[in-house]
Amino acid sequence: MNKVIIRKETEKDYRQTEQMVRRAFWNIHGPGCNEHLMVHKLRQSPDYLPELSRIAELDGKIVGVIMYSVAQIVQGEQICEVLTFGPLCVEPTLHNLHIGKMLLEETIALAKETKYPGICIFGEPEYYPKHGFVTCDRFGITDWNGNNFDAFMAYPLQEAFGDVHGRFREAPVFEECNDKEELAAFDAAFPYAKPLELSCQWLHKERLGRICEVQKNTYVIRFWEKEIPAKLKGSFYKDENAVWPIVGDYVTFCYNPNGDSVIQTVCERKNLLKRPDQAKTAVEQNMVSNVDIVFIVTSLNANYNINRIARYVSIALQADALPVVVLTKSDLCSNPGRYIREVEELSDKVRVHSVSALYGIGIDEMKEYLEPGNTVVLLGSSGAGKSTFVNAIAGTEIMKTSQIRESDARGRHTTTYRQLIELPSGVTIIDTPGMREIGMQSVADGINDTFSDIVELENQCRFRDCKHDTEPGCAVKKALADGTLPRERYDLYLKLQRENANNTVKKKQIAKWKKQMKQL
């Protein structure tokens, strides 16, 4: 790695500087950021001071910036011009090289040679005092509303600064970057990044990343283009109610570029896909979180199983995610339409596509789900062609593939653990190990959504507690008799309902036993 170079910004640097600023502030204070637009506008402001401002360059890339402008301290009719800077920021993956310190020290030295008596800023109260900044209340200076707080600080450049008192006013440009339409139009020119609104914002020392891999007690966090090894903060192990991270979770973490970073908190989840880990013990397993679309991948060979598909659909609907059944290897099937119709009859909330990754058939249809910002999870058994399908929709080989056994159409587990992959388009793919069996637990709503037609029939029965057996006025029996409700569909509904109820009871009993054991 070459030496960091501190220099003036040139016009050809503008877009790269704005992109670095955007990365530095993205989702730190709220959804997205506007600091890159502020930088863009500040250069055009008469209050901007390019002779004091500097950028940091490393290996030909801009990795830091500090931008100075003129501000005012107002007391009655007296106005004293002072300096302010903002933003001062560093490429978020390079916080171990003291780039901010270099920018600060060099520009303060330049500022001491000017006519301005001091610098006033809004900034990190844990960072700037290390470099000689103190709170503005020591000088009788307040913000424009007459308030003081730890993040409002000053640095005297001349002795005369002690005679400056009044209210601080920044350049007007700092209040001109909040128009949502203007910001959206400006932001569209940059690579896609997903804006997030989370309760953990306003972030200070912590960073915001996403869990892309979990293996036992080791974690990997996706942080921009980097994959960072991480471990849990000690409090996770002490709190029996702690929410442990899974793939798809957004987490706050303290970044350590020289070893394991430390996960501080798991951010609130949009949704959660879960299933019983073992049907006999009903231990519940959290699979993935924060999912928009569930691709249920099954091939049109011996792997096809409508019972399994119904289970996957119920799990997706329980999480309020869109279930999309992808029937792969359509080139090996003489009548894929028959299977499409069978899956469509499962639920009016499910979408179905027949594809052949080998010949590119149906692949273009999948583009409607690949909107920037969407998270897509792949569910399906081994040999269904998940990896081949993802490589086809991504347009490049991003996942390993393996052959299946011709005898039973089963394949080896190419994916042995859940992993999250971000595509350049801004789409996130989460792959999961193949599951030949999928149990039902705590998914009553998902089952009801999958079989909403049967639920509607039950609501039409004469008696609210109808068992659909010998009771008169039973809408379910009538539909079975006249063929409008296929017997196979009703039997599958009953089977999933019984399994879900039994596993839920088992889960509660196990939790009760555990509680009793702790009391012994």
Protein backbone atom coordinates (compact mmCIF):
# COMPACT_ATOMS: atom_id res chain seq x y z
CA MET A 1 0.00 0.00 0.00
CA ASN A 2 1.37 3.41 -0.99
CA LYS A 3 1.58 6.51 1.16
CA VAL A 4 -1.53 8.64 1.71
CA ILE A 5 -1.27 11.90 -0.27
CA ILE A 6 -3.01 15.05 1.01
CA ARG A 7 -3.71 17.53 -1.79
CA LYS A 8 -6.17 20.03 -3.25
CA GLU A 9 -9.18 18.72 -5.08
CA THR A 10 -9.39 19.19 -8.85
CA GLU A 11 -12.49 19.18 -11.03
CA LYS A 12 -11.78 15.66 -12.27
CA ASP A 13 -11.95 14.47 -8.65
CA TYR A 14 -15.46 15.78 -8.03
CA ARG A 15 -17.55 12.67 -8.71
CA GLN A 16 -15.14 10.32 -6.96
CA THR A 17 -15.12 12.59 -3.90
CA GLU A 18 -18.92 12.66 -3.84
CA GLN A 19 -19.10 8.88 -4.09
CA MET A 20 -16.66 8.49 -1.19
CA VAL A 21 -18.68 10.97 0.92
CA ARG A 22 -21.86 9.08 0.09
CA ARG A 23 -20.31 5.80 1.25
CA ALA A 24 -19.04 7.40 4.46
CA PHE A 25 -22.47 8.69 5.53
CA TRP A 26 -24.83 6.14 3.96
CA ASN A 27 -27.47 4.96 6.48
CA ILE A 28 -25.43 6.37 9.38
CA HIS A 29 -27.84 9.13 10.45
CA GLY A 30 -30.97 7.84 8.73
CA PRO A 31 -32.11 6.27 5.43
CA GLY A 32 -29.44 7.01 2.81
CA CYS A 33 -27.77 10.41 3.18
CA ASN A 34 -27.58 13.89 1.62
CA GLU A 35 -23.96 14.78 2.37
CA HIS A 36 -22.79 14.01 -1.17
CA LEU A 37 -25.33 16.52 -2.53
CA MET A 38 -24.13 19.01 0.08
CA VAL A 39 -20.55 18.61 -1.18
CA HIS A 40 -21.75 19.13 -4.75
CA LYS A 41 -23.55 22.35 -3.84
CA LEU A 42 -20.89 23.65 -1.49
CA ARG A 43 -18.34 23.92 -4.31
CA GLN A 44 -20.67 26.40 -6.03
CA SER A 45 -21.22 28.50 -2.90
CA PRO A 46 -19.42 31.86 -2.45
CA ASP A 47 -18.74 30.77 1.14
CA TYR A 48 -16.66 27.75 0.08
CA LEU A 49 -12.90 27.95 0.70
CA PRO A 50 -11.11 25.62 -1.73
CA GLU A 51 -7.72 27.05 -0.71
CA LEU A 52 -8.14 25.45 2.73
CA SER A 53 -10.01 22.29 1.71
CA ARG A 54 -8.14 19.07 0.99
CA ILE A 55 -8.67 15.49 -0.17
CA ALA A 56 -6.70 12.37 0.72
CA GLU A 57 -5.57 10.01 -2.02
CA LEU A 58 -4.35 6.42 -1.64
CA ASP A 59 -3.33 4.16 -4.51
CA GLY A 60 -4.97 6.56 -6.96
CA LYS A 61 -8.32 6.60 -5.14
CA ILE A 62 -9.85 9.39 -3.06
CA VAL A 63 -10.21 8.10 0.48
CA GLY A 64 -10.89 11.24 2.52
CA VAL A 65 -11.99 14.87 2.33
CA ILE A 66 -12.30 17.96 4.50
CA MET A 67 -14.18 21.00 3.12
CA TYR A 68 -13.94 24.48 4.67
CA SER A 69 -16.38 27.37 4.36
CA VAL A 70 -16.99 30.75 5.96
CA ALA A 71 -19.49 31.00 8.83
CA GLN A 72 -20.58 33.85 11.11
CA ILE A 73 -20.88 34.62 14.81
CA VAL A 74 -23.67 37.16 15.20
CA GLN A 75 -24.26 39.36 18.26
CA GLY A 76 -26.72 42.14 17.64
CA GLU A 77 -25.40 44.10 14.68
CA GLN A 78 -21.87 42.77 15.09
CA ILE A 79 -20.86 39.97 12.74
CA CYS A 80 -17.56 38.11 13.01
CA GLU A 81 -16.54 35.73 10.26
CA VAL A 82 -15.10 32.41 11.42
CA LEU A 83 -14.25 29.10 9.75
CA THR A 84 -16.20 25.88 9.77
CA PHE A 85 -15.62 22.59 8.01
CA GLY A 86 -17.86 19.81 6.92
CA PRO A 87 -17.87 17.21 5.90
CA LEU A 88 -14.67 15.69 7.23
CA CYS A 89 -14.94 12.02 6.34
CA VAL A 90 -12.95 8.98 5.34
CA GLU A 91 -13.67 5.96 3.14
CA PRO A 92 -15.57 3.71 5.60
CA THR A 93 -13.39 0.63 5.03
CA LEU A 94 -10.14 2.51 5.81
CA HIS A 95 -10.63 3.83 9.33
CA ASN A 96 -7.32 2.47 10.60
CA LEU A 97 -4.92 4.68 8.66
CA HIS A 98 -5.48 7.97 10.57
CA ILE A 99 -6.53 9.69 7.35
CA GLY A 100 -8.94 12.02 9.16
CA LYS A 101 -6.18 13.08 11.54
CA MET A 102 -3.86 13.89 8.62
CA LEU A 103 -6.52 15.98 6.89
CA LEU A 104 -7.33 17.81 10.09
CA GLU A 105 -3.77 18.60 11.11
CA GLU A 106 -2.70 19.83 7.68
CA THR A 107 -5.70 22.10 7.19
CA ILE A 108 -5.60 23.55 10.73
CA ALA A 109 -2.01 24.54 10.07
CA LEU A 110 -3.20 26.33 6.91
CA ALA A 111 -6.11 27.94 8.80
CA LYS A 112 -3.73 29.47 11.36
CA GLU A 113 -2.20 31.53 8.55
CA THR A 114 -5.54 33.14 7.67
CA LYS A 115 -7.40 36.17 9.07
CA TYR A 116 -10.07 34.05 10.74
CA PRO A 117 -9.94 33.92 14.59
CA GLY A 118 -11.28 30.40 15.04
CA ILE A 119 -13.18 27.36 13.82
CA CYS A 120 -16.68 26.30 14.92
CA ILE A 121 -18.10 22.90 14.01
CA PHE A 122 -20.82 20.35 14.71
CA GLY A 123 -19.04 17.03 15.13
CA GLU A 124 -18.26 13.90 17.13
CA PRO A 125 -17.72 14.89 20.77
CA GLU A 126 -15.54 11.82 21.35
CA TYR A 127 -13.22 12.55 18.43
CA TYR A 128 -12.52 16.26 18.08
CA PRO A 129 -11.44 17.03 21.68
CA LYS A 130 -8.44 14.77 21.01
CA HIS A 131 -7.37 17.37 18.45
CA GLY A 132 -7.78 20.50 20.57
CA PHE A 133 -11.48 21.26 20.14
CA VAL A 134 -13.57 22.36 23.14
CA THR A 135 -17.28 23.05 23.58
CA CYS A 136 -18.45 26.45 22.37
CA ASP A 137 -20.01 27.40 25.71
CA ARG A 138 -16.49 28.22 26.93
CA PHE A 139 -16.44 31.16 24.53
CA GLY A 140 -19.99 32.40 24.99
CA ILE A 141 -21.01 31.05 21.60
CA THR A 142 -24.30 29.21 21.01
CA ASP A 143 -25.96 27.70 17.96
CA TRP A 144 -28.45 29.88 16.09
CA ASN A 145 -31.24 28.85 18.47
CA GLY A 146 -29.24 29.83 21.54
CA ASN A 147 -28.35 26.26 22.58
CA ASN A 148 -25.14 24.51 23.56
CA PHE A 149 -24.33 20.81 23.50
CA ASP A 150 -21.28 18.55 23.44
CA ALA A 151 -21.26 18.18 19.64
CA PHE A 152 -20.98 21.97 19.15
CA MET A 153 -17.26 22.73 19.40
CA ALA A 154 -14.63 25.36 18.61
CA TYR A 155 -10.92 25.57 17.94
CA PRO A 156 -9.24 28.99 18.57
CA LEU A 157 -6.84 30.02 15.81
CA GLN A 158 -5.97 33.43 17.28
CA GLU A 159 -6.13 35.05 20.72
CA ALA A 160 -8.84 37.37 19.41
CA PHE A 161 -11.24 34.43 19.33
CA GLY A 162 -11.69 34.89 23.09
CA ASP A 163 -13.45 38.20 22.36
CA VAL A 164 -15.97 36.60 19.95
CA HIS A 165 -19.45 35.97 21.38
CA GLY A 166 -22.90 35.38 19.91
CA ARG A 167 -24.87 32.96 17.79
CA PHE A 168 -23.32 30.71 15.16
CA ARG A 169 -24.67 30.74 11.59
CA GLU A 170 -23.45 28.44 8.84
CA ALA A 171 -23.54 29.20 5.12
CA PRO A 172 -27.06 28.93 3.61
CA VAL A 173 -25.97 26.01 1.41
CA PHE A 174 -26.10 23.65 4.41
CA GLU A 175 -29.87 24.13 4.60
CA GLU A 176 -30.41 23.61 0.87
CA CYS A 177 -29.91 19.84 0.58
CA ASN A 178 -33.15 18.45 1.99
CA ASP A 179 -35.39 18.48 -1.07
CA LYS A 180 -36.31 14.81 -1.55
CA GLU A 181 -36.91 15.04 -5.30
CA GLU A 182 -33.65 16.87 -5.94
CA LEU A 183 -31.74 14.39 -3.75
CA ALA A 184 -33.31 11.38 -5.49
CA ALA A 185 -32.43 12.75 -8.93
CA PHE A 186 -28.85 13.46 -7.86
CA ASP A 187 -28.46 10.10 -6.12
CA ALA A 188 -29.64 8.17 -9.19
CA ALA A 189 -26.30 8.83 -10.91
CA PHE A 190 -24.43 6.78 -8.30
CA PRO A 191 -24.19 2.99 -7.89
CA TYR A 192 -27.26 1.60 -6.13
CA ALA A 193 -27.20 1.39 -2.35
CA LYS A 194 -30.25 0.48 -0.27
CA PRO A 195 -31.52 3.16 2.14
CA LEU A 196 -32.47 1.71 5.52
CA GLU A 197 -34.51 3.20 8.34
CA LEU A 198 -33.50 1.54 11.60
CA SER A 199 -33.86 2.41 15.26
CA CYS A 200 -30.07 2.13 15.76
CA GLN A 201 -29.41 5.28 13.72
CA TRP A 202 -27.71 7.78 14.74
CA LEU A 203 -24.54 5.66 14.64
CA HIS A 204 -21.26 6.83 16.19
CA LYS A 205 -18.42 4.36 16.62
CA GLU A 206 -20.50 1.50 15.25
CA ARG A 207 -20.85 0.54 11.61
CA LEU A 208 -23.87 -0.99 9.90
CA GLY A 209 -23.46 -4.21 7.94
CA ARG A 210 -25.34 -7.35 6.99
CA ILE A 211 -24.68 -10.93 8.04
CA CYS A 212 -23.72 -12.90 4.94
CA GLU A 213 -22.49 -16.14 6.53
CA VAL A 214 -22.81 -17.98 9.84
CA GLN A 215 -20.88 -21.09 10.82
CA LYS A 216 -21.32 -22.14 14.45
CA ASN A 217 -20.16 -19.13 16.49
CA THR A 218 -18.30 -17.37 13.71
CA TYR A 219 -19.88 -14.70 11.53
CA VAL A 220 -19.08 -12.86 8.33
CA ILE A 221 -20.44 -9.33 7.82
CA ARG A 222 -20.96 -7.82 4.40
CA PHE A 223 -19.74 -4.21 4.64
CA TRP A 224 -19.78 -2.53 1.26
CA GLU A 225 -17.60 -4.75 -0.95
CA LYS A 226 -15.78 -6.31 1.97
CA GLU A 227 -16.56 -9.48 3.91
CA ILE A 228 -15.47 -8.99 7.51
CA PRO A 229 -14.94 -11.78 10.07
CA ALA A 230 -16.76 -11.05 13.31
CA LYS A 231 -17.67 -12.41 16.72
CA LEU A 232 -20.47 -11.62 19.16
CA LYS A 233 -20.23 -9.13 21.97
CA GLY A 234 -20.04 -10.92 25.32
CA SER A 235 -23.51 -9.80 26.42
CA PHE A 236 -25.12 -12.10 23.82
CA TYR A 237 -23.96 -15.12 25.82
CA LYS A 238 -25.20 -13.73 29.14
CA ASP A 239 -28.70 -12.74 28.03
CA GLU A 240 -30.94 -15.78 27.46
CA ASN A 241 -33.39 -13.56 25.55
CA ALA A 242 -30.75 -12.13 23.23
CA VAL A 243 -31.52 -12.26 19.51
CA TRP A 244 -28.57 -13.95 17.81
CA PRO A 245 -27.69 -12.97 14.24
CA ILE A 246 -28.65 -15.08 11.26
CA VAL A 247 -27.98 -14.63 7.56
CA GLY A 248 -29.85 -11.59 6.27
CA ASP A 249 -29.74 -9.66 9.54
CA TYR A 250 -28.53 -6.07 9.65
CA VAL A 251 -26.17 -5.61 12.59
CA THR A 252 -24.18 -2.83 14.19
CA PHE A 253 -20.55 -3.67 14.82
CA CYS A 254 -17.28 -2.16 15.95
CA TYR A 255 -14.93 -2.43 12.98
CA ASN A 256 -11.54 -4.07 13.50
CA PRO A 257 -9.57 -4.15 10.24
CA ASN A 258 -6.82 -6.25 11.82
CA GLY A 259 -8.91 -9.08 13.31
CA ASP A 260 -12.45 -10.02 14.30
CA SER A 261 -14.91 -7.15 14.41
CA VAL A 262 -17.42 -7.25 17.29
CA ILE A 263 -21.18 -7.45 16.67
CA GLN A 264 -22.97 -5.09 19.05
CA THR A 265 -26.66 -5.42 18.19
CA VAL A 266 -29.05 -7.12 15.78
CA CYS A 267 -31.31 -4.53 14.14
CA GLU A 268 -35.07 -5.04 14.03
CA ARG A 269 -36.11 -7.56 11.38
CA LYS A 270 -38.57 -6.97 8.56
CA ASN A 271 -39.47 -10.67 8.63
CA LEU A 272 -38.11 -14.10 9.48
CA LEU A 273 -38.24 -17.45 7.69
CA LYS A 274 -38.18 -20.38 10.11
CA ARG A 275 -38.91 -24.08 10.31
CA PRO A 276 -38.62 -26.97 12.77
CA ASP A 277 -34.99 -28.09 12.82
CA GLN A 278 -36.05 -31.61 13.74
CA ALA A 279 -39.56 -32.93 13.36
CA LYS A 280 -39.26 -35.18 16.42
CA THR A 281 -38.07 -32.55 18.87
CA ALA A 282 -39.79 -29.55 17.23
CA VAL A 283 -36.71 -27.44 17.82
CA GLU A 284 -37.36 -24.27 15.84
CA GLN A 285 -34.70 -23.09 13.43
CA ASN A 286 -34.43 -19.52 12.15
CA MET A 287 -33.33 -19.73 8.53
CA VAL A 288 -32.96 -16.22 7.09
CA SER A 289 -34.31 -12.72 7.72
CA ASN A 290 -35.26 -9.53 5.87
CA VAL A 291 -36.46 -11.27 2.73
CA ASP A 292 -38.66 -9.80 0.00
CA ILE A 293 -39.05 -12.74 -2.38
CA VAL A 294 -38.76 -16.51 -1.90
CA PHE A 295 -37.71 -18.48 -4.98
CA ILE A 296 -38.95 -22.03 -4.36
CA VAL A 297 -36.82 -23.98 -6.81
CA THR A 298 -37.80 -27.50 -7.85
CA SER A 299 -36.91 -29.37 -11.01
CA LEU A 300 -39.35 -31.05 -13.35
CA ASN A 301 -38.03 -34.54 -12.71
CA ALA A 302 -38.27 -36.93 -9.76
CA ASN A 303 -37.45 -33.96 -7.52
CA TYR A 304 -40.91 -32.45 -8.09
CA ASN A 305 -43.17 -32.76 -5.03
CA ILE A 306 -46.33 -30.66 -4.64
CA ASN A 307 -46.47 -31.48 -0.92
CA ARG A 308 -43.01 -29.97 -0.37
CA ILE A 309 -43.85 -26.94 -2.51
CA ALA A 310 -46.96 -26.27 -0.40
CA ARG A 311 -44.81 -26.32 2.74
CA TYR A 312 -42.36 -23.81 1.28
CA VAL A 313 -45.22 -21.56 0.14
CA SER A 314 -46.72 -21.58 3.64
CA ILE A 315 -43.38 -20.61 5.20
CA ALA A 316 -42.98 -17.74 2.71
CA LEU A 317 -46.50 -16.42 3.29
CA GLN A 318 -46.10 -16.67 7.06
CA ALA A 319 -43.15 -14.26 6.70
CA ASP A 320 -45.17 -11.96 4.42
CA ALA A 321 -42.75 -12.61 1.56
CA LEU A 322 -43.73 -13.24 -2.06
CA PRO A 323 -43.53 -16.97 -2.95
CA VAL A 324 -42.31 -17.60 -6.49
CA VAL A 325 -42.14 -21.25 -7.56
CA VAL A 326 -39.43 -21.81 -10.16
CA LEU A 327 -39.81 -25.09 -12.06
CA THR A 328 -36.36 -25.76 -13.49
CA LYS A 329 -35.16 -28.11 -16.26
CA SER A 330 -38.29 -27.54 -18.33
CA ASP A 331 -36.36 -28.81 -21.36
CA LEU A 332 -36.52 -32.30 -19.81
CA CYS A 333 -40.29 -32.19 -19.34
CA SER A 334 -42.81 -32.89 -22.12
CA ASN A 335 -45.71 -31.08 -20.41
CA PRO A 336 -44.53 -28.34 -17.97
CA GLY A 337 -47.94 -26.63 -18.24
CA ARG A 338 -49.53 -29.42 -16.23
CA TYR A 339 -47.21 -28.75 -13.29
CA ILE A 340 -47.62 -24.97 -13.57
CA ARG A 341 -51.40 -25.37 -13.25
CA GLU A 342 -51.02 -27.70 -10.27
CA VAL A 343 -48.83 -25.20 -8.39
CA GLU A 344 -51.09 -22.27 -9.32
CA GLU A 345 -54.00 -24.10 -7.71
CA LEU A 346 -52.14 -24.11 -4.38
CA SER A 347 -52.79 -20.44 -3.71
CA ASP A 348 -53.76 -17.25 -5.50
CA LYS A 349 -50.79 -15.61 -3.77
CA VAL A 350 -48.15 -17.80 -5.43
CA ARG A 351 -46.45 -17.09 -8.76
CA VAL A 352 -45.09 -19.87 -10.98
CA HIS A 353 -42.46 -19.91 -13.74
CA SER A 354 -41.09 -22.74 -15.85
CA VAL A 355 -37.44 -22.24 -16.87
CA SER A 356 -34.49 -23.95 -18.49
CA ALA A 357 -31.16 -22.45 -17.49
CA LEU A 358 -29.42 -24.61 -20.09
CA TYR A 359 -31.33 -23.06 -23.00
CA GLY A 360 -32.27 -19.72 -21.40
CA ILE A 361 -35.99 -20.50 -21.52
CA GLY A 362 -38.03 -18.34 -19.14
CA ILE A 363 -35.00 -16.60 -17.65
CA ASP A 364 -36.09 -13.16 -18.89
CA GLU A 365 -39.38 -13.57 -17.00
CA MET A 366 -37.45 -13.56 -13.72
CA LYS A 367 -36.11 -10.03 -14.22
CA GLU A 368 -39.27 -8.49 -12.74
CA TYR A 369 -38.21 -9.84 -9.33
CA LEU A 370 -34.64 -8.60 -9.58
CA GLU A 371 -35.27 -4.97 -8.69
CA PRO A 372 -32.39 -3.15 -6.94
CA GLY A 373 -32.78 -3.46 -3.19
CA ASN A 374 -34.71 -6.75 -3.29
CA THR A 375 -33.51 -9.67 -1.20
CA VAL A 376 -34.29 -13.04 -2.76
CA VAL A 377 -33.86 -16.32 -0.87
CA LEU A 378 -33.56 -19.68 -2.62
CA LEU A 379 -35.35 -22.67 -1.09
CA GLY A 380 -35.37 -26.15 -2.52
CA SER A 381 -33.93 -29.61 -2.22
CA SER A 382 -30.55 -30.77 -3.52
CA GLY A 383 -30.51 -31.38 -7.25
CA ALA A 384 -33.22 -28.81 -7.98
CA GLY A 385 -30.77 -26.68 -9.95
CA LYS A 386 -30.66 -23.65 -7.65
CA SER A 387 -27.04 -22.78 -8.39
CA THR A 388 -27.44 -23.18 -12.14
CA PHE A 389 -30.59 -21.06 -12.04
CA VAL A 390 -28.91 -18.25 -10.07
CA ASN A 391 -25.94 -18.22 -12.45
CA ALA A 392 -28.39 -17.89 -15.34
CA ILE A 393 -30.34 -14.94 -13.89
CA ALA A 394 -27.12 -13.23 -12.72
CA GLY A 395 -25.53 -13.60 -16.15
CA THR A 396 -22.28 -14.89 -14.63
CA GLU A 397 -21.06 -17.85 -12.61
CA ILE A 398 -21.36 -16.76 -9.01
CA MET A 399 -22.28 -20.14 -7.50
CA LYS A 400 -20.76 -23.60 -7.82
CA THR A 401 -22.85 -26.34 -9.42
CA SER A 402 -22.78 -30.11 -9.07
CA GLN A 403 -24.19 -33.13 -10.89
CA ILE A 404 -27.23 -35.07 -9.68
CA ARG A 405 -27.68 -38.84 -9.48
CA GLU A 406 -29.77 -40.12 -12.36
CA SER A 407 -31.19 -42.93 -10.20
CA ASP A 408 -33.20 -40.67 -7.88
CA ALA A 409 -32.65 -37.12 -9.23
CA ARG A 410 -30.95 -36.14 -5.98
CA GLY A 411 -27.81 -34.08 -5.85
CA ARG A 412 -25.06 -33.37 -3.42
CA HIS A 413 -25.33 -30.31 -1.19
CA THR A 414 -23.39 -27.79 -3.26
CA THR A 415 -24.33 -25.18 -0.65
CA THR A 416 -23.54 -26.51 2.84
CA TYR A 417 -24.43 -23.34 4.73
CA ARG A 418 -26.51 -20.25 4.14
CA GLN A 419 -24.73 -17.48 2.31
CA LEU A 420 -25.62 -14.01 1.11
CA ILE A 421 -24.39 -12.68 -2.22
CA GLU A 422 -24.80 -9.12 -3.48
CA LEU A 423 -25.07 -8.66 -7.24
CA PRO A 424 -23.70 -5.49 -8.91
CA SER A 425 -27.30 -4.58 -9.77
CA GLY A 426 -28.16 -4.10 -6.08
CA VAL A 427 -30.07 -7.40 -5.79
CA THR A 428 -29.18 -9.64 -2.86
CA ILE A 429 -29.35 -13.43 -3.22
CA ILE A 430 -29.42 -15.73 -0.18
CA ASP A 431 -28.72 -19.38 -0.97
CA THR A 432 -29.65 -22.14 1.47
CA PRO A 433 -28.60 -25.79 1.76
CA GLY A 434 -30.90 -28.24 0.04
CA MET A 435 -33.74 -29.51 2.24
CA ARG A 436 -35.39 -32.80 1.30
CA GLU A 437 -37.80 -32.51 4.22
CA ILE A 438 -39.45 -29.36 5.53
CA GLY A 439 -41.55 -29.46 8.68
CA MET A 440 -44.37 -27.16 9.73
CA GLN A 441 -44.34 -25.15 12.97
CA SER A 442 -45.72 -21.75 14.01
CA VAL A 443 -46.96 -21.12 10.46
CA ALA A 444 -50.74 -21.28 10.90
CA ASP A 445 -51.23 -17.97 9.11
CA GLY A 446 -49.02 -19.09 6.24
CA ILE A 447 -50.99 -22.33 5.82
CA ASN A 448 -54.25 -20.39 5.88
CA ASP A 449 -52.94 -17.99 3.23
CA THR A 450 -51.80 -20.91 1.06
CA PHE A 451 -55.21 -22.62 1.34
CA SER A 452 -57.30 -19.46 1.55
CA ASP A 453 -60.08 -21.08 -0.53
CA ILE A 454 -60.56 -23.80 2.09
CA VAL A 455 -60.50 -21.24 4.91
CA GLU A 456 -63.22 -19.32 3.07
CA LEU A 457 -65.31 -22.48 2.76
CA GLU A 458 -64.91 -23.14 6.50
CA ASN A 459 -66.22 -19.64 7.18
CA GLN A 460 -69.36 -20.51 5.18
CA CYS A 461 -70.22 -23.54 7.32
CA ARG A 462 -73.47 -23.27 9.31
CA PHE A 463 -71.70 -23.95 12.61
CA ARG A 464 -68.64 -22.01 13.71
CA ASP A 465 -67.05 -25.11 15.26
CA CYS A 466 -67.89 -27.37 12.31
CA LYS A 467 -65.68 -30.49 12.13
CA HIS A 468 -66.63 -31.07 8.47
CA ASP A 469 -67.80 -34.58 9.36
CA THR A 470 -71.50 -35.17 10.09
CA GLU A 471 -72.67 -31.61 10.68
CA PRO A 472 -75.43 -30.26 8.42
CA GLY A 473 -74.77 -27.16 6.35
CA CYS A 474 -71.06 -27.93 5.94
CA ALA A 475 -69.64 -25.96 2.99
CA VAL A 476 -66.46 -28.05 2.95
CA LYS A 477 -68.34 -31.36 2.58
CA LYS A 478 -70.47 -29.84 -0.18
CA ALA A 479 -67.39 -28.65 -2.09
CA LEU A 480 -65.76 -32.07 -1.74
CA ALA A 481 -68.91 -33.76 -2.96
CA ASP A 482 -69.40 -31.61 -6.05
CA GLY A 483 -65.68 -31.67 -6.92
CA THR A 484 -65.01 -27.93 -6.58
CA LEU A 485 -62.55 -28.80 -3.78
CA PRO A 486 -60.21 -31.65 -4.79
CA ARG A 487 -59.86 -34.31 -2.09
CA GLU A 488 -56.05 -34.35 -2.48
CA ARG A 489 -55.86 -30.62 -1.80
CA TYR A 490 -58.05 -30.88 1.30
CA ASP A 491 -56.06 -33.85 2.64
CA LEU A 492 -52.81 -31.91 2.22
CA TYR A 493 -54.33 -28.93 4.06
CA LEU A 494 -55.36 -31.16 6.97
CA LYS A 495 -51.94 -32.83 7.07
CA LEU A 496 -50.06 -29.53 7.27
CA GLN A 497 -52.46 -28.15 9.88
CA ARG A 498 -52.03 -31.25 12.09
CA GLU A 499 -48.25 -31.19 11.73
CA ASN A 500 -48.07 -27.49 12.55
CA ALA A 501 -50.31 -27.92 15.61
CA ASN A 502 -48.39 -30.97 16.89
CA ASN A 503 -44.97 -29.33 16.48
CA THR A 504 -46.16 -26.12 18.13
CA VAL A 505 -47.40 -28.12 21.12
CA LYS A 506 -44.06 -29.95 21.27
CA LYS A 507 -42.22 -26.65 21.22
CA LYS A 508 -44.25 -25.30 24.13
CA GLN A 509 -43.75 -28.52 26.12
CA ILE A 510 -39.99 -28.46 25.53
CA ALA A 511 -39.85 -24.82 26.65
CA LYS A 512 -41.79 -25.81 29.80
CA TRP A 513 -39.36 -28.65 30.52
CA LYS A 514 -36.37 -26.37 30.09
CA LYS A 515 -37.87 -23.87 32.53
CA GLN A 516 -38.50 -26.64 35.08
CA MET A 517 -34.93 -27.94 34.72
CA LYS A 518 -33.51 -24.46 35.47
CA GLN A 519 -35.54 -24.33 38.68
CA LEU A 520 -34.05 -27.59 39.99
